[in-house]
Amino acid sequence: MDEVKEIIVVCDPSYKDIFEGSRSLSLSPALHDMGCAWVVDKLYSDEKIHVDLKFALPGKERQDSVYSGLQEVDLNSELVCVHDSARPLVSVADVEKVLKDGWINGAAVLGVPVKATIKEADSESFVVRTLDRKTLWEIQTPQVMKPDLLKKGFELVNREGLEVTDDVSIVEHLKHPVYITEGSYTNIKVTTPDDLLLAERILSMNT
């Protein structure tokens, strides 16, 4: 399995300058350590590390954005690795593990065992049942799939008008097994001010 050869950024066109305006830009500490994260503009072809940088327009829903990005993937790619920009703390080790598992199994996703007690509630907020947390995982990104598998999944999802909230769910609709690669609790999703404070704390501990 080769290293990353291209990075596809799904974003509003107004953000393109952030990526294109620098001679070399580190997108992720994890990818940087793998020798893949320095985005090199075509003007600097003498650089030792070359990564094609492409852009795609976001869609209305997450699955629409992923589908848009998938259209830009090189036809010879062996794996597609989808990662949320809201998870900036993913580690080198976790990226390597999930890539390996995705290669072996066709689809893999980072996740961590659920710590908290999870209860299912009805529309009036009354408990319906308590779920067995020994079988529950909190799913993260990256999520890794073989391109043909993801394309077939999208064909099914689009044909039947299905909505999914993460990428491997698309593959699940094909009844293809998805392997869960155990990740790290520090790979948090930064969506609230409290998350940002926690992320800063984690970063300070690693410096």
N, C-alpha and C. Protein backbone atom coordinates (compact mmCIF):
# COMPACT_ATOMS: atom_id res chain seq x y z
N MET A 1 0.85 -1.20 0.00
CA MET A 1 0.00 0.00 0.00
C MET A 1 0.88 1.24 0.00
N ASP A 2 0.69 2.10 -0.98
CA ASP A 2 1.46 3.33 -1.07
C ASP A 2 0.97 4.35 -0.05
N GLU A 3 1.78 5.40 0.14
CA GLU A 3 1.37 6.47 1.03
C GLU A 3 0.38 7.38 0.31
N VAL A 4 -0.09 8.39 1.04
CA VAL A 4 -1.07 9.31 0.50
C VAL A 4 -0.48 10.07 -0.69
N LYS A 5 -1.21 10.09 -1.77
CA LYS A 5 -0.76 10.77 -2.99
C LYS A 5 -1.56 12.02 -3.30
N GLU A 6 -2.75 12.13 -2.73
CA GLU A 6 -3.56 13.32 -2.98
C GLU A 6 -4.43 13.61 -1.78
N ILE A 7 -4.71 14.89 -1.60
CA ILE A 7 -5.61 15.35 -0.54
C ILE A 7 -6.72 16.15 -1.20
N ILE A 8 -7.94 15.76 -0.93
CA ILE A 8 -9.10 16.45 -1.50
C ILE A 8 -9.79 17.20 -0.38
N VAL A 9 -9.83 18.50 -0.51
CA VAL A 9 -10.45 19.36 0.50
C VAL A 9 -11.85 19.73 0.03
N VAL A 10 -12.84 19.33 0.80
CA VAL A 10 -14.22 19.69 0.49
C VAL A 10 -14.56 20.93 1.30
N CYS A 11 -14.68 22.06 0.62
CA CYS A 11 -14.90 23.32 1.34
C CYS A 11 -15.54 24.34 0.41
N ASP A 12 -16.05 25.39 1.02
CA ASP A 12 -16.55 26.52 0.27
C ASP A 12 -15.37 27.16 -0.48
N PRO A 13 -15.58 27.62 -1.71
CA PRO A 13 -14.49 28.21 -2.48
C PRO A 13 -13.76 29.34 -1.76
N SER A 14 -14.44 30.02 -0.85
CA SER A 14 -13.81 31.14 -0.15
C SER A 14 -12.67 30.69 0.75
N TYR A 15 -12.59 29.39 1.04
CA TYR A 15 -11.53 28.88 1.91
C TYR A 15 -10.32 28.37 1.13
N LYS A 16 -10.39 28.37 -0.19
CA LYS A 16 -9.31 27.80 -0.98
C LYS A 16 -7.98 28.51 -0.74
N ASP A 17 -8.04 29.82 -0.54
CA ASP A 17 -6.81 30.59 -0.36
C ASP A 17 -6.03 30.14 0.87
N ILE A 18 -6.74 29.63 1.86
CA ILE A 18 -6.06 29.16 3.08
C ILE A 18 -5.09 28.04 2.73
N PHE A 19 -5.49 27.18 1.80
CA PHE A 19 -4.67 26.04 1.42
C PHE A 19 -3.70 26.37 0.31
N GLU A 20 -4.10 27.24 -0.60
CA GLU A 20 -3.27 27.54 -1.76
C GLU A 20 -2.28 28.66 -1.51
N GLY A 21 -2.49 29.45 -0.47
CA GLY A 21 -1.69 30.65 -0.26
C GLY A 21 -0.35 30.41 0.39
N SER A 22 -0.07 29.17 0.77
CA SER A 22 1.19 28.88 1.44
C SER A 22 2.01 27.93 0.61
N ARG A 23 3.31 28.13 0.60
CA ARG A 23 4.19 27.24 -0.16
C ARG A 23 4.07 25.81 0.36
N SER A 24 4.03 25.64 1.64
CA SER A 24 3.84 24.31 2.23
C SER A 24 3.01 24.46 3.47
N LEU A 25 1.98 23.64 3.59
CA LEU A 25 1.02 23.78 4.67
C LEU A 25 0.78 22.44 5.33
N SER A 26 0.96 22.38 6.65
CA SER A 26 0.73 21.13 7.36
C SER A 26 -0.76 20.98 7.64
N LEU A 27 -1.41 19.99 7.02
CA LEU A 27 -2.83 19.78 7.23
C LEU A 27 -3.11 19.01 8.50
N SER A 28 -2.22 18.12 8.89
CA SER A 28 -2.45 17.27 10.05
C SER A 28 -1.13 16.76 10.58
N PRO A 29 -0.90 16.87 11.89
CA PRO A 29 0.33 16.33 12.46
C PRO A 29 0.51 14.85 12.13
N ALA A 30 -0.58 14.09 12.11
CA ALA A 30 -0.48 12.66 11.84
C ALA A 30 0.04 12.41 10.43
N LEU A 31 -0.57 13.07 9.45
CA LEU A 31 -0.15 12.87 8.07
C LEU A 31 1.25 13.42 7.84
N HIS A 32 1.58 14.49 8.56
CA HIS A 32 2.91 15.08 8.41
C HIS A 32 3.98 14.07 8.76
N ASP A 33 3.79 13.35 9.86
CA ASP A 33 4.78 12.38 10.29
C ASP A 33 4.84 11.18 9.35
N MET A 34 3.78 10.96 8.58
CA MET A 34 3.79 9.88 7.59
C MET A 34 4.42 10.34 6.28
N GLY A 35 4.84 11.60 6.23
CA GLY A 35 5.43 12.11 5.01
C GLY A 35 4.41 12.48 3.96
N CYS A 36 3.21 12.83 4.39
CA CYS A 36 2.15 13.06 3.41
C CYS A 36 1.45 14.40 3.55
N ALA A 37 1.74 15.17 4.55
CA ALA A 37 0.86 16.29 4.83
C ALA A 37 1.32 17.63 4.32
N TRP A 38 2.52 17.68 3.79
CA TRP A 38 2.94 18.98 3.28
C TRP A 38 2.39 19.18 1.89
N VAL A 39 1.44 20.08 1.80
CA VAL A 39 0.79 20.34 0.51
C VAL A 39 1.72 21.19 -0.34
N VAL A 40 2.07 20.68 -1.49
CA VAL A 40 3.05 21.36 -2.33
C VAL A 40 2.38 21.88 -3.59
N ASP A 41 2.47 23.17 -3.80
CA ASP A 41 1.91 23.78 -4.99
C ASP A 41 2.72 23.35 -6.22
N LYS A 42 2.07 23.32 -7.38
CA LYS A 42 2.74 22.89 -8.60
C LYS A 42 3.93 23.78 -8.94
N LEU A 43 3.94 24.99 -8.42
CA LEU A 43 5.05 25.90 -8.69
C LEU A 43 6.33 25.43 -8.03
N TYR A 44 6.21 24.53 -7.06
CA TYR A 44 7.37 24.11 -6.29
C TYR A 44 7.63 22.63 -6.53
N SER A 45 7.79 22.26 -7.78
CA SER A 45 7.94 20.86 -8.15
C SER A 45 9.28 20.27 -7.73
N ASP A 46 10.20 21.11 -7.22
CA ASP A 46 11.49 20.58 -6.79
C ASP A 46 11.45 20.08 -5.36
N GLU A 47 10.31 20.21 -4.69
CA GLU A 47 10.20 19.71 -3.33
C GLU A 47 10.28 18.18 -3.33
N LYS A 48 10.75 17.62 -2.24
CA LYS A 48 10.93 16.17 -2.16
C LYS A 48 9.60 15.44 -2.00
N ILE A 49 8.64 16.07 -1.34
CA ILE A 49 7.36 15.43 -1.08
C ILE A 49 6.30 16.09 -1.94
N HIS A 50 5.59 15.30 -2.70
CA HIS A 50 4.57 15.85 -3.59
C HIS A 50 3.21 15.25 -3.27
N VAL A 51 2.27 16.10 -3.00
CA VAL A 51 0.90 15.67 -2.73
C VAL A 51 -0.02 16.52 -3.60
N ASP A 52 -0.82 15.87 -4.41
CA ASP A 52 -1.79 16.61 -5.22
C ASP A 52 -2.87 17.17 -4.31
N LEU A 53 -3.14 18.44 -4.47
CA LEU A 53 -4.19 19.10 -3.69
C LEU A 53 -5.36 19.42 -4.61
N LYS A 54 -6.52 18.87 -4.30
CA LYS A 54 -7.72 19.10 -5.10
C LYS A 54 -8.82 19.67 -4.21
N PHE A 55 -9.80 20.27 -4.86
CA PHE A 55 -10.93 20.84 -4.11
C PHE A 55 -12.24 20.31 -4.67
N ALA A 56 -13.22 20.24 -3.79
CA ALA A 56 -14.57 19.85 -4.19
C ALA A 56 -15.56 20.70 -3.40
N LEU A 57 -16.71 20.91 -3.99
CA LEU A 57 -17.73 21.73 -3.33
C LEU A 57 -18.49 20.92 -2.28
N PRO A 58 -18.80 21.53 -1.15
CA PRO A 58 -19.60 20.82 -0.14
C PRO A 58 -21.05 20.68 -0.58
N GLY A 59 -21.73 19.69 -0.01
CA GLY A 59 -23.14 19.49 -0.30
C GLY A 59 -24.01 19.90 0.87
N LYS A 60 -25.29 19.67 0.74
CA LYS A 60 -26.24 20.05 1.78
C LYS A 60 -26.03 19.23 3.04
N GLU A 61 -25.81 17.93 2.88
CA GLU A 61 -25.58 17.03 4.00
C GLU A 61 -24.17 16.45 3.91
N ARG A 62 -23.74 15.82 5.00
CA ARG A 62 -22.40 15.24 5.04
C ARG A 62 -22.19 14.27 3.88
N GLN A 63 -23.16 13.38 3.65
CA GLN A 63 -22.99 12.38 2.60
C GLN A 63 -22.86 13.03 1.23
N ASP A 64 -23.50 14.19 1.04
CA ASP A 64 -23.39 14.91 -0.23
C ASP A 64 -21.98 15.46 -0.41
N SER A 65 -21.39 15.93 0.68
CA SER A 65 -20.03 16.46 0.62
C SER A 65 -19.02 15.36 0.33
N VAL A 66 -19.20 14.21 0.98
CA VAL A 66 -18.30 13.09 0.74
C VAL A 66 -18.43 12.61 -0.71
N TYR A 67 -19.65 12.56 -1.21
CA TYR A 67 -19.87 12.15 -2.60
C TYR A 67 -19.18 13.12 -3.56
N SER A 68 -19.27 14.39 -3.26
CA SER A 68 -18.62 15.41 -4.09
C SER A 68 -17.11 15.20 -4.10
N GLY A 69 -16.54 14.96 -2.93
CA GLY A 69 -15.10 14.71 -2.86
C GLY A 69 -14.69 13.44 -3.57
N LEU A 70 -15.55 12.43 -3.50
CA LEU A 70 -15.24 11.15 -4.13
C LEU A 70 -15.09 11.28 -5.64
N GLN A 71 -15.79 12.24 -6.23
CA GLN A 71 -15.70 12.43 -7.68
C GLN A 71 -14.31 12.91 -8.11
N GLU A 72 -13.54 13.44 -7.17
CA GLU A 72 -12.21 13.95 -7.48
C GLU A 72 -11.11 12.92 -7.22
N VAL A 73 -11.46 11.78 -6.66
CA VAL A 73 -10.46 10.77 -6.30
C VAL A 73 -9.86 10.14 -7.55
N ASP A 74 -8.55 10.01 -7.56
CA ASP A 74 -7.86 9.37 -8.68
C ASP A 74 -8.38 7.95 -8.89
N LEU A 75 -8.58 7.58 -10.14
CA LEU A 75 -9.16 6.27 -10.46
C LEU A 75 -8.27 5.12 -10.02
N ASN A 76 -6.97 5.39 -9.84
CA ASN A 76 -6.03 4.34 -9.45
C ASN A 76 -5.85 4.24 -7.94
N SER A 77 -6.58 5.04 -7.19
CA SER A 77 -6.44 5.02 -5.73
C SER A 77 -6.89 3.67 -5.17
N GLU A 78 -6.18 3.21 -4.15
CA GLU A 78 -6.49 1.92 -3.54
C GLU A 78 -7.37 2.07 -2.31
N LEU A 79 -7.30 3.23 -1.67
CA LEU A 79 -8.11 3.49 -0.49
C LEU A 79 -8.57 4.93 -0.49
N VAL A 80 -9.73 5.17 0.09
CA VAL A 80 -10.21 6.52 0.37
C VAL A 80 -10.28 6.67 1.88
N CYS A 81 -9.69 7.72 2.38
CA CYS A 81 -9.66 7.98 3.82
C CYS A 81 -10.38 9.31 4.08
N VAL A 82 -11.52 9.26 4.74
CA VAL A 82 -12.33 10.45 4.99
C VAL A 82 -12.11 10.90 6.43
N HIS A 83 -11.74 12.18 6.58
CA HIS A 83 -11.47 12.70 7.92
C HIS A 83 -12.17 14.03 8.13
N ASP A 84 -12.72 14.22 9.33
CA ASP A 84 -13.39 15.48 9.69
C ASP A 84 -12.36 16.53 10.09
N SER A 85 -12.53 17.74 9.59
CA SER A 85 -11.67 18.83 10.05
C SER A 85 -11.93 19.15 11.51
N ALA A 86 -13.06 18.70 12.04
CA ALA A 86 -13.39 18.95 13.45
C ALA A 86 -12.64 18.01 14.39
N ARG A 87 -11.83 17.10 13.85
CA ARG A 87 -11.03 16.20 14.69
C ARG A 87 -9.54 16.43 14.38
N PRO A 88 -8.98 17.53 14.90
CA PRO A 88 -7.60 17.88 14.57
C PRO A 88 -6.54 17.13 15.38
N LEU A 89 -6.96 16.31 16.34
CA LEU A 89 -6.00 15.70 17.26
C LEU A 89 -5.73 14.22 16.97
N VAL A 90 -6.13 13.74 15.82
CA VAL A 90 -5.89 12.34 15.50
C VAL A 90 -4.39 12.05 15.49
N SER A 91 -4.01 10.88 15.99
CA SER A 91 -2.59 10.55 16.13
C SER A 91 -2.05 9.79 14.92
N VAL A 92 -0.74 9.81 14.80
CA VAL A 92 -0.07 9.07 13.73
C VAL A 92 -0.40 7.59 13.82
N ALA A 93 -0.29 7.05 15.02
CA ALA A 93 -0.51 5.61 15.21
C ALA A 93 -1.92 5.20 14.81
N ASP A 94 -2.90 6.02 15.17
CA ASP A 94 -4.29 5.67 14.85
C ASP A 94 -4.55 5.73 13.35
N VAL A 95 -3.98 6.71 12.67
CA VAL A 95 -4.14 6.80 11.22
C VAL A 95 -3.53 5.57 10.55
N GLU A 96 -2.34 5.20 10.99
CA GLU A 96 -1.68 4.03 10.40
C GLU A 96 -2.49 2.76 10.63
N LYS A 97 -3.03 2.61 11.84
CA LYS A 97 -3.80 1.41 12.17
C LYS A 97 -5.06 1.29 11.32
N VAL A 98 -5.80 2.39 11.21
CA VAL A 98 -7.07 2.30 10.48
C VAL A 98 -6.84 2.14 8.97
N LEU A 99 -5.76 2.71 8.46
CA LEU A 99 -5.42 2.50 7.05
C LEU A 99 -5.11 1.03 6.79
N LYS A 100 -4.34 0.43 7.68
CA LYS A 100 -4.01 -0.99 7.54
C LYS A 100 -5.26 -1.86 7.60
N ASP A 101 -6.12 -1.57 8.57
CA ASP A 101 -7.34 -2.37 8.73
C ASP A 101 -8.29 -2.17 7.55
N GLY A 102 -8.32 -0.95 7.01
CA GLY A 102 -9.15 -0.70 5.84
C GLY A 102 -8.65 -1.46 4.63
N TRP A 103 -7.34 -1.55 4.50
CA TRP A 103 -6.73 -2.29 3.39
C TRP A 103 -7.06 -3.78 3.49
N ILE A 104 -6.99 -4.31 4.70
CA ILE A 104 -7.23 -5.74 4.91
C ILE A 104 -8.71 -6.09 4.75
N ASN A 105 -9.58 -5.25 5.30
CA ASN A 105 -11.00 -5.59 5.39
C ASN A 105 -11.90 -4.91 4.37
N GLY A 106 -11.35 -3.96 3.65
CA GLY A 106 -12.17 -3.23 2.68
C GLY A 106 -12.83 -1.99 3.24
N ALA A 107 -13.08 -2.00 4.55
CA ALA A 107 -13.67 -0.84 5.22
C ALA A 107 -13.31 -0.90 6.70
N ALA A 108 -12.88 0.22 7.25
CA ALA A 108 -12.53 0.29 8.67
C ALA A 108 -12.77 1.70 9.17
N VAL A 109 -13.00 1.80 10.47
CA VAL A 109 -13.29 3.10 11.07
C VAL A 109 -12.69 3.15 12.46
N LEU A 110 -12.18 4.31 12.83
CA LEU A 110 -11.69 4.50 14.20
C LEU A 110 -12.87 4.60 15.16
N GLY A 111 -12.68 4.04 16.35
CA GLY A 111 -13.72 4.15 17.37
C GLY A 111 -13.13 3.85 18.74
N VAL A 112 -13.85 4.23 19.76
CA VAL A 112 -13.44 3.93 21.14
C VAL A 112 -14.64 3.32 21.88
N PRO A 113 -14.39 2.39 22.80
CA PRO A 113 -15.48 1.83 23.58
C PRO A 113 -16.20 2.92 24.38
N VAL A 114 -17.52 2.84 24.42
CA VAL A 114 -18.31 3.81 25.17
C VAL A 114 -18.06 3.64 26.66
N LYS A 115 -17.83 4.74 27.35
CA LYS A 115 -17.60 4.71 28.80
C LYS A 115 -18.89 4.92 29.59
N ALA A 116 -19.71 5.83 29.09
CA ALA A 116 -20.90 6.24 29.84
C ALA A 116 -22.04 5.24 29.66
N THR A 117 -23.00 5.30 30.58
CA THR A 117 -24.23 4.53 30.43
C THR A 117 -25.12 5.24 29.41
N ILE A 118 -25.60 4.51 28.43
CA ILE A 118 -26.42 5.07 27.36
C ILE A 118 -27.85 4.56 27.49
N LYS A 119 -28.80 5.48 27.53
CA LYS A 119 -30.20 5.10 27.62
C LYS A 119 -30.96 5.58 26.39
N GLU A 120 -31.84 4.74 25.90
CA GLU A 120 -32.73 5.12 24.81
C GLU A 120 -34.00 5.70 25.41
N ALA A 121 -34.45 6.85 24.87
CA ALA A 121 -35.63 7.53 25.41
C ALA A 121 -36.69 7.70 24.33
N ASP A 122 -37.93 7.88 24.77
CA ASP A 122 -39.01 8.13 23.81
C ASP A 122 -39.13 9.62 23.53
N SER A 123 -40.13 10.01 22.76
CA SER A 123 -40.29 11.40 22.35
C SER A 123 -40.62 12.32 23.52
N GLU A 124 -41.03 11.74 24.65
CA GLU A 124 -41.37 12.55 25.83
C GLU A 124 -40.28 12.47 26.89
N SER A 125 -39.12 11.98 26.50
CA SER A 125 -37.93 11.92 27.36
C SER A 125 -38.03 10.89 28.48
N PHE A 126 -38.88 9.89 28.32
CA PHE A 126 -38.93 8.79 29.28
C PHE A 126 -38.04 7.65 28.77
N VAL A 127 -37.34 7.02 29.70
CA VAL A 127 -36.42 5.95 29.33
C VAL A 127 -37.18 4.75 28.76
N VAL A 128 -36.71 4.29 27.61
CA VAL A 128 -37.27 3.09 26.99
C VAL A 128 -36.48 1.87 27.42
N ARG A 129 -35.16 2.01 27.38
CA ARG A 129 -34.30 0.91 27.82
C ARG A 129 -32.88 1.42 28.00
N THR A 130 -32.09 0.64 28.72
CA THR A 130 -30.68 0.93 28.90
C THR A 130 -29.89 0.00 27.99
N LEU A 131 -29.04 0.57 27.18
CA LEU A 131 -28.27 -0.21 26.22
C LEU A 131 -27.03 -0.82 26.88
N ASP A 132 -26.63 -1.97 26.39
CA ASP A 132 -25.46 -2.66 26.92
C ASP A 132 -24.20 -1.99 26.37
N ARG A 133 -23.52 -1.24 27.20
CA ARG A 133 -22.37 -0.48 26.70
C ARG A 133 -21.20 -1.37 26.30
N LYS A 134 -21.21 -2.63 26.71
CA LYS A 134 -20.12 -3.53 26.31
C LYS A 134 -20.12 -3.77 24.80
N THR A 135 -21.24 -3.49 24.16
CA THR A 135 -21.33 -3.69 22.71
C THR A 135 -21.31 -2.38 21.93
N LEU A 136 -21.16 -1.25 22.63
CA LEU A 136 -21.27 0.06 21.99
C LEU A 136 -19.90 0.71 21.78
N TRP A 137 -19.77 1.36 20.65
CA TRP A 137 -18.55 2.08 20.30
C TRP A 137 -18.92 3.50 19.88
N GLU A 138 -18.10 4.45 20.29
CA GLU A 138 -18.22 5.83 19.79
C GLU A 138 -17.34 5.94 18.55
N ILE A 139 -17.95 6.23 17.43
CA ILE A 139 -17.23 6.21 16.15
C ILE A 139 -16.60 7.57 15.86
N GLN A 140 -15.37 7.52 15.32
CA GLN A 140 -14.60 8.71 15.02
C GLN A 140 -14.26 8.73 13.52
N THR A 141 -13.35 9.58 13.16
CA THR A 141 -12.71 9.54 11.85
C THR A 141 -11.20 9.57 12.10
N PRO A 142 -10.40 9.10 11.12
CA PRO A 142 -10.72 8.74 9.76
C PRO A 142 -11.58 7.49 9.62
N GLN A 143 -12.28 7.45 8.47
CA GLN A 143 -13.03 6.28 8.05
C GLN A 143 -12.49 5.88 6.68
N VAL A 144 -12.08 4.64 6.57
CA VAL A 144 -11.32 4.19 5.40
C VAL A 144 -12.08 3.12 4.64
N MET A 145 -12.15 3.27 3.32
CA MET A 145 -12.85 2.32 2.47
C MET A 145 -12.14 2.19 1.13
N LYS A 146 -12.32 1.06 0.50
CA LYS A 146 -11.85 0.93 -0.88
C LYS A 146 -12.81 1.70 -1.78
N PRO A 147 -12.27 2.46 -2.73
CA PRO A 147 -13.11 3.36 -3.54
C PRO A 147 -14.29 2.68 -4.23
N ASP A 148 -14.07 1.51 -4.81
CA ASP A 148 -15.16 0.83 -5.51
C ASP A 148 -16.30 0.49 -4.57
N LEU A 149 -15.95 0.12 -3.35
CA LEU A 149 -16.96 -0.22 -2.35
C LEU A 149 -17.78 1.01 -1.98
N LEU A 150 -17.09 2.13 -1.79
CA LEU A 150 -17.79 3.37 -1.44
C LEU A 150 -18.69 3.84 -2.59
N LYS A 151 -18.20 3.69 -3.82
CA LYS A 151 -19.01 4.09 -4.98
C LYS A 151 -20.27 3.25 -5.10
N LYS A 152 -20.13 1.94 -4.89
CA LYS A 152 -21.30 1.06 -4.94
C LYS A 152 -22.29 1.41 -3.83
N GLY A 153 -21.74 1.76 -2.66
CA GLY A 153 -22.60 2.16 -1.55
C GLY A 153 -23.38 3.42 -1.87
N PHE A 154 -22.71 4.38 -2.49
CA PHE A 154 -23.39 5.62 -2.87
C PHE A 154 -24.47 5.37 -3.91
N GLU A 155 -24.21 4.47 -4.83
CA GLU A 155 -25.23 4.14 -5.83
C GLU A 155 -26.50 3.64 -5.16
N LEU A 156 -26.32 2.78 -4.15
CA LEU A 156 -27.47 2.24 -3.42
C LEU A 156 -28.16 3.32 -2.60
N VAL A 157 -27.37 4.10 -1.86
CA VAL A 157 -27.93 5.16 -1.01
C VAL A 157 -28.69 6.19 -1.85
N ASN A 158 -28.10 6.60 -2.96
CA ASN A 158 -28.76 7.60 -3.81
C ASN A 158 -30.00 7.03 -4.49
N ARG A 159 -29.92 5.78 -4.89
CA ARG A 159 -31.06 5.16 -5.57
C ARG A 159 -32.27 5.01 -4.65
N GLU A 160 -32.00 4.69 -3.39
CA GLU A 160 -33.08 4.45 -2.43
C GLU A 160 -33.39 5.66 -1.55
N GLY A 161 -32.66 6.76 -1.78
CA GLY A 161 -32.93 7.99 -1.02
C GLY A 161 -32.65 7.85 0.46
N LEU A 162 -31.58 7.13 0.81
CA LEU A 162 -31.25 6.90 2.22
C LEU A 162 -30.40 8.05 2.76
N GLU A 163 -30.52 8.31 4.05
CA GLU A 163 -29.68 9.30 4.72
C GLU A 163 -28.77 8.59 5.71
N VAL A 164 -27.50 8.97 5.70
CA VAL A 164 -26.53 8.38 6.63
C VAL A 164 -25.78 9.50 7.33
N THR A 165 -25.28 9.21 8.52
CA THR A 165 -24.59 10.23 9.31
C THR A 165 -23.09 10.04 9.34
N ASP A 166 -22.60 8.90 8.85
CA ASP A 166 -21.16 8.75 8.71
C ASP A 166 -20.88 7.93 7.45
N ASP A 167 -19.60 7.83 7.11
CA ASP A 167 -19.23 7.30 5.80
C ASP A 167 -19.35 5.79 5.71
N VAL A 168 -18.93 5.09 6.76
CA VAL A 168 -19.01 3.64 6.70
C VAL A 168 -20.45 3.14 6.71
N SER A 169 -21.38 3.97 7.15
CA SER A 169 -22.79 3.57 7.09
C SER A 169 -23.22 3.33 5.65
N ILE A 170 -22.60 4.05 4.73
CA ILE A 170 -22.89 3.86 3.31
C ILE A 170 -22.52 2.44 2.90
N VAL A 171 -21.36 1.99 3.38
CA VAL A 171 -20.90 0.63 3.08
C VAL A 171 -21.75 -0.40 3.82
N GLU A 172 -22.19 -0.06 5.02
CA GLU A 172 -23.02 -0.99 5.79
C GLU A 172 -24.30 -1.35 5.04
N HIS A 173 -24.83 -0.41 4.28
CA HIS A 173 -26.05 -0.68 3.52
C HIS A 173 -25.83 -1.73 2.43
N LEU A 174 -24.57 -1.97 2.07
CA LEU A 174 -24.25 -3.04 1.13
C LEU A 174 -24.10 -4.38 1.83
N LYS A 175 -24.26 -4.38 3.15
CA LYS A 175 -24.06 -5.58 3.97
C LYS A 175 -22.60 -6.02 3.99
N HIS A 176 -21.71 -5.07 3.71
CA HIS A 176 -20.28 -5.37 3.77
C HIS A 176 -19.79 -5.13 5.20
N PRO A 177 -19.00 -6.04 5.76
CA PRO A 177 -18.51 -5.85 7.13
C PRO A 177 -17.58 -4.65 7.25
N VAL A 178 -17.72 -3.93 8.33
CA VAL A 178 -16.87 -2.77 8.62
C VAL A 178 -16.11 -3.07 9.91
N TYR A 179 -14.80 -2.99 9.85
CA TYR A 179 -13.96 -3.28 11.02
C TYR A 179 -13.78 -2.02 11.85
N ILE A 180 -13.90 -2.15 13.18
CA ILE A 180 -13.66 -1.02 14.07
C ILE A 180 -12.24 -1.10 14.60
N THR A 181 -11.45 -0.11 14.27
CA THR A 181 -10.09 0.01 14.77
C THR A 181 -10.11 0.84 16.05
N GLU A 182 -9.64 0.26 17.14
CA GLU A 182 -9.70 1.00 18.40
C GLU A 182 -8.75 2.20 18.35
N GLY A 183 -9.31 3.38 18.57
CA GLY A 183 -8.54 4.61 18.52
C GLY A 183 -8.23 5.16 19.89
N SER A 184 -8.24 6.48 20.01
CA SER A 184 -7.87 7.16 21.25
C SER A 184 -8.96 8.12 21.67
N TYR A 185 -9.15 8.25 22.98
CA TYR A 185 -10.17 9.17 23.49
C TYR A 185 -9.78 10.63 23.26
N THR A 186 -8.52 10.87 22.97
CA THR A 186 -8.08 12.25 22.71
C THR A 186 -8.45 12.73 21.31
N ASN A 187 -8.91 11.84 20.46
CA ASN A 187 -9.32 12.21 19.10
C ASN A 187 -10.75 12.76 19.15
N ILE A 188 -10.90 13.87 19.84
CA ILE A 188 -12.23 14.42 20.10
C ILE A 188 -12.73 15.23 18.90
N LYS A 189 -14.04 15.39 18.84
CA LYS A 189 -14.66 16.24 17.83
C LYS A 189 -14.90 17.61 18.44
N VAL A 190 -14.30 18.63 17.87
CA VAL A 190 -14.38 19.98 18.43
C VAL A 190 -15.60 20.69 17.83
N THR A 191 -16.68 20.75 18.60
CA THR A 191 -17.91 21.37 18.11
C THR A 191 -18.47 22.42 19.06
N THR A 192 -17.99 22.48 20.30
CA THR A 192 -18.49 23.44 21.28
C THR A 192 -17.31 24.16 21.92
N PRO A 193 -17.56 25.30 22.59
CA PRO A 193 -16.48 25.98 23.30
C PRO A 193 -15.78 25.09 24.32
N ASP A 194 -16.54 24.22 24.99
CA ASP A 194 -15.93 23.30 25.96
C ASP A 194 -14.98 22.33 25.26
N ASP A 195 -15.37 21.88 24.07
CA ASP A 195 -14.49 20.99 23.30
C ASP A 195 -13.19 21.69 22.97
N LEU A 196 -13.27 22.96 22.64
CA LEU A 196 -12.08 23.72 22.28
C LEU A 196 -11.13 23.83 23.46
N LEU A 197 -11.68 24.07 24.64
CA LEU A 197 -10.85 24.13 25.84
C LEU A 197 -10.16 22.80 26.10
N LEU A 198 -10.90 21.71 25.90
CA LEU A 198 -10.32 20.38 26.10
C LEU A 198 -9.23 20.11 25.08
N ALA A 199 -9.46 20.51 23.84
CA ALA A 199 -8.46 20.31 22.79
C ALA A 199 -7.18 21.08 23.11
N GLU A 200 -7.32 22.30 23.60
CA GLU A 200 -6.16 23.09 23.97
C GLU A 200 -5.39 22.43 25.10
N ARG A 201 -6.12 21.84 26.03
CA ARG A 201 -5.49 21.14 27.15
C ARG A 201 -4.71 19.93 26.66
N ILE A 202 -5.30 19.18 25.76
CA ILE A 202 -4.63 18.00 25.22
C ILE A 202 -3.37 18.40 24.46
N LEU A 203 -3.47 19.47 23.67
CA LEU A 203 -2.31 19.95 22.93
C LEU A 203 -1.19 20.41 23.86
N SER A 204 -1.56 21.09 24.93
CA SER A 204 -0.55 21.58 25.88
C SER A 204 0.18 20.43 26.57
N MET A 205 -0.51 19.32 26.76
CA MET A 205 0.10 18.15 27.40
C MET A 205 1.07 17.44 26.46
N ASN A 206 0.89 17.65 25.17
CA ASN A 206 1.73 16.96 24.18
C ASN A 206 2.88 17.81 23.68
N THR A 207 3.02 19.01 24.24
CA THR A 207 4.10 19.88 23.79
C THR A 207 5.18 19.98 24.86
